[in-house]
Each structure stands twice: as structure tokens, then as C-alpha cells.
Protein backbone atom coordinates (compact mmCIF):
# COMPACT_ATOMS: atom_id res chain seq x y z
CA MET A 1 8.62 -4.59 19.87
CA HIS A 2 7.49 -6.53 16.74
CA HIS A 3 6.53 -3.26 14.83
CA VAL A 4 4.58 -0.01 15.18
CA ALA A 5 2.22 1.12 12.44
CA TYR A 6 1.42 4.32 11.18
CA THR A 7 -1.28 5.21 8.64
CA TRP A 8 -0.97 7.61 5.92
CA LYS A 9 -4.51 9.53 4.36
CA ASN A 10 -4.17 8.07 0.84
CA LEU A 11 -1.94 6.34 -1.74
CA ASP A 12 -0.37 9.76 -2.70
CA GLU A 13 1.06 10.15 0.90
CA LEU A 14 1.96 6.96 1.15
CA LEU A 15 4.14 6.77 -2.29
CA ASP A 16 5.25 10.39 -1.51
CA THR A 17 7.27 8.93 1.47
CA TYR A 18 8.21 6.34 -0.04
CA ARG A 19 9.93 8.13 -2.79
CA ARG A 20 11.90 10.18 -0.57
CA LEU A 21 12.71 7.55 1.94
CA ALA A 22 14.12 5.55 -1.15
CA GLY A 23 15.85 8.61 -2.26
CA LEU A 24 17.60 8.41 0.94
CA GLY A 25 18.82 5.04 0.53
CA ILE A 26 16.04 3.90 2.98
CA ARG A 27 13.70 0.67 1.35
CA PRO A 28 11.18 -1.22 2.94
CA VAL A 29 12.11 -4.52 3.95
CA SER A 30 8.57 -5.60 3.05
CA PRO A 31 6.27 -4.53 0.70
CA VAL A 32 2.63 -6.02 1.40
CA ARG A 33 -0.54 -5.62 -0.03
CA HIS A 34 -2.67 -7.04 2.63
CA GLY A 35 -6.09 -6.39 0.78
CA PHE A 36 -7.80 -4.38 3.35
CA THR A 37 -4.61 -2.38 3.73
CA LEU A 38 -1.45 -1.29 1.35
CA SER A 39 1.99 -1.59 3.73
CA LEU A 40 5.46 -0.97 3.43
CA TYR A 41 7.68 -2.43 6.52
CA TYR A 42 10.73 -1.27 7.16
CA ALA A 43 13.24 -1.47 9.96
CA ASP A 44 14.77 1.21 11.83
CA PRO A 45 18.62 1.54 12.45
CA ASP A 46 17.98 -0.59 15.75
CA GLY A 47 16.01 -3.41 14.15
CA ASN A 48 12.71 -1.91 15.42
CA GLY A 49 9.95 -2.63 12.74
CA LEU A 50 7.68 0.65 11.22
CA GLU A 51 4.49 -0.09 8.89
CA PHE A 52 3.85 2.50 6.65
CA GLN A 53 0.19 1.53 5.48
CA ILE A 54 -3.05 3.11 3.79
CA ASP A 55 -6.41 1.45 4.49
CA LEU A 56 -8.00 0.23 1.43
CA MET A 57 -11.11 0.21 2.36
CA GLY A 58 -13.36 0.67 5.32
CA GLU A 59 -13.70 -1.07 8.60
CA ARG A 60 -16.89 -2.81 7.90
CA ALA A 61 -15.27 -4.23 4.18
CA ALA A 62 -12.33 -4.93 6.05
CA SER A 63 -13.97 -7.06 8.47
CA GLU A 64 -15.94 -8.72 5.92
CA PHE A 65 -12.84 -9.17 3.73
CA MET A 66 -10.99 -11.22 6.63
CA HIS A 67 -13.92 -13.30 7.35
CA GLY A 68 -13.81 -14.03 3.55
CA PRO A 69 -12.39 -16.83 1.13
CA VAL A 70 -9.45 -14.39 -0.52
CA PHE A 71 -7.98 -13.64 3.07
CA ALA A 72 -8.34 -17.55 4.19
CA ARG A 73 -6.36 -18.25 1.13
CA ASN A 74 -3.46 -15.97 2.11
CA PRO A 75 -3.83 -14.12 5.28
CA GLY A 76 -0.25 -12.72 4.97
CA GLY A 77 -0.78 -10.92 1.99
CA GLU A 78 1.30 -10.77 -0.85
CA SER A 79 4.57 -8.93 -2.10
CA PHE A 80 4.68 -6.12 -4.54
CA ASP A 81 7.26 -3.96 -5.84
CA PRO A 82 7.22 -0.80 -5.23
CA ASP A 83 9.15 0.75 -7.59
CA ALA A 84 6.29 -0.84 -10.13
CA LEU A 85 3.86 0.58 -8.32
CA VAL A 86 5.27 4.22 -8.50
CA ALA A 87 5.70 3.91 -11.97
CA HIS A 88 2.05 2.86 -13.04
CA TYR A 89 0.77 5.25 -10.43
CA GLU A 90 2.51 8.07 -11.65
CA SER A 91 1.61 7.38 -15.20
CA GLY A 92 -1.89 8.18 -14.46
CA ARG A 93 -3.42 4.67 -14.83
CA PRO A 94 -5.14 2.80 -12.26
CA VAL A 95 -3.26 0.61 -10.14
CA ASP A 96 -6.01 -1.39 -8.08
CA ALA A 97 -4.73 -4.65 -9.87
CA LEU A 98 -1.55 -3.73 -8.16
CA ILE A 99 -2.52 -3.06 -4.70
CA PHE A 100 -5.51 -5.44 -3.69
CA ILE A 101 -4.76 -9.26 -4.10
CA GLU A 102 -5.78 -11.22 -7.15
CA GLY A 103 -9.41 -12.41 -6.32
CA GLN A 104 -10.78 -9.52 -4.28
CA PRO A 105 -13.73 -7.59 -6.20
CA GLU A 106 -11.88 -4.33 -5.78
CA PHE A 107 -9.08 -6.03 -8.52
CA ASN A 108 -10.45 -5.08 -11.44
CA GLY A 109 -11.73 -1.37 -10.56
CA SER A 110 -10.23 1.86 -11.12
CA ALA A 111 -10.60 3.01 -7.17
CA PHE A 112 -6.87 4.67 -7.17
CA VAL A 113 -5.59 6.77 -9.82
CA LYS A 114 -3.39 9.86 -9.22
CA PRO A 115 -5.17 12.55 -8.31
CA LEU A 116 -4.66 15.71 -9.97
CA ARG A 117 -2.86 18.10 -8.71
CA PRO A 118 -2.96 21.99 -9.64
CA ALA A 119 -0.20 23.41 -11.23
CA ASN A 120 1.25 25.29 -8.65
CA ALA A 121 1.38 22.02 -6.32
CA LYS A 122 4.61 19.96 -5.30
């Protein structure tokens, strides 16, 4: 088996999972920003691949993106530093430039910011 992919609802959930696993010494073998998804690839003890990811755009936009010039230049995506992403995200600043591939229209936006949590939330 190459890998099984699991999709989280949002960036907050994905980064919560990343922090929890990193706290146990479990690190992704390959963090990749694909443009249409943000993925953390892990290897289980048997060598099976696990992809934990979020969708960064809807189905139609993702299909258009995969037929466009940014994806054509680099269909495999770009590596990223998940610790830097967590630090930036926790600061409350937009993280679009850290999760989208350079050249995407979304790259300069502010779509992904840490949601405000009620004071009693974990």
C-alpha cells in the first residue's frame, strides 16, 4: 500500500493533530503544500503511508488549478516547515503564503487565519 489519506475539516484541526503527534515524537516524513491541499505524510511502524490533509479549495477550483500553469510547473508540490506554520498560525496572522504554492492567486490573501475560540474552549 502506498498510502491512505485522511481529510480534516480545517487547518485548526490539522495543526492540532500535528502538535499532538509531534508531542509524542511522531513527525511527518514529508509535509507538502500541493496548492489544492495541504498534506502531512507520515509512515506507520509497518512502513505504510498516511496522509493527513485539508482541502484548500472546492472541487471545481481544485480541478481548474490542476489544469493551470502553477500546477503544471510543479505537480508534486512544495515542502514546508510545519513548525513554522504552527508558530505563524498561533500568532493569529494569515498563513496563506505558507500553505499555498507561490504563484497561486490565493497566495497573497488572508483566507486562513486562526479562528477565535471561546475562552472556555480547549
